[in-house]
């Protein structure tokens, strides 16, 4: 079984069954519980915190 870490909190989740919010521009990936917690230079929530023009889409499988 493969495990994928959240790029915000670092927790690892099952690659097959877990759903993520993924930036449509840079690919930054956060777990569902981190959507409301991640923040950075460019924003938080549905706005990607890592790039200027991206938005978090999901939840979806990788």
Protein backbone atom coordinates (compact mmCIF):
# COMPACT_ATOMS: atom_id res chain seq x y z
CA UNK A 1 0.00 0.00 0.00
CA UNK A 2 1.34 3.44 -0.91
CA UNK A 3 1.15 6.40 1.45
CA UNK A 4 1.12 10.04 0.31
CA UNK A 5 1.89 12.93 2.69
CA UNK A 6 -0.14 16.11 2.91
CA UNK A 7 2.07 19.01 1.81
CA UNK A 8 0.73 21.17 4.63
CA UNK A 9 0.54 19.03 7.79
CA UNK A 10 2.74 16.11 6.74
CA UNK A 11 0.27 13.37 7.74
CA UNK A 12 0.34 10.38 5.42
CA UNK A 13 -2.80 8.98 3.84
CA UNK A 14 -3.65 5.91 1.77
CA UNK A 15 -2.99 6.69 -1.91
CA UNK A 16 -5.93 4.63 -3.15
CA UNK A 17 -8.83 5.86 -1.04
CA UNK A 18 -7.95 9.36 0.12
CA UNK A 19 -9.26 12.53 -1.54
CA UNK A 20 -7.20 15.73 -1.80
CA UNK A 21 -7.60 19.38 -2.65
CA UNK A 22 -5.07 20.11 -5.39
CA UNK A 23 -4.04 23.46 -6.88
CA UNK A 24 -5.02 23.73 -10.54
CA UNK A 25 -1.84 25.67 -11.41
CA UNK A 26 1.11 24.39 -9.32
CA UNK A 27 -0.15 21.02 -8.01
CA UNK A 28 0.15 21.88 -4.30
CA UNK A 29 -1.78 19.17 -2.43
CA UNK A 30 -3.53 19.37 0.95
CA UNK A 31 -5.74 16.93 2.86
CA UNK A 32 -9.37 17.76 3.48
CA UNK A 33 -8.71 18.87 7.07
CA UNK A 34 -5.97 21.30 5.96
CA UNK A 35 -8.08 23.17 3.41
CA UNK A 36 -9.17 25.68 6.05
CA UNK A 37 -5.74 25.72 7.77
CA UNK A 38 -3.13 26.16 5.04
CA UNK A 39 -1.95 29.71 4.49
CA UNK A 40 0.96 31.43 2.85
CA UNK A 41 2.12 34.36 0.79
CA UNK A 42 -0.70 34.12 -1.75
CA UNK A 43 -3.76 33.18 0.28
CA UNK A 44 -5.60 30.42 2.11
CA UNK A 45 -8.70 28.25 1.86
CA UNK A 46 -9.70 27.65 -1.77
CA UNK A 47 -7.02 30.12 -2.95
CA UNK A 48 -3.65 28.38 -3.25
CA UNK A 49 -1.17 29.55 -0.63
CA UNK A 50 1.84 28.63 -2.78
CA UNK A 51 1.22 30.34 -6.15
CA UNK A 52 -0.31 33.59 -7.32
CA UNK A 53 -3.02 32.34 -9.68
CA UNK A 54 -4.00 28.85 -8.47
CA UNK A 55 -7.16 27.63 -6.79
CA UNK A 56 -7.65 24.45 -4.79
CA UNK A 57 -9.90 22.00 -6.64
CA UNK A 58 -11.44 18.93 -5.10
CA UNK A 59 -11.88 16.83 -3.21
CA UNK A 60 -10.50 14.37 -5.74
CA UNK A 61 -8.31 11.29 -5.90
CA UNK A 62 -4.77 11.52 -7.21
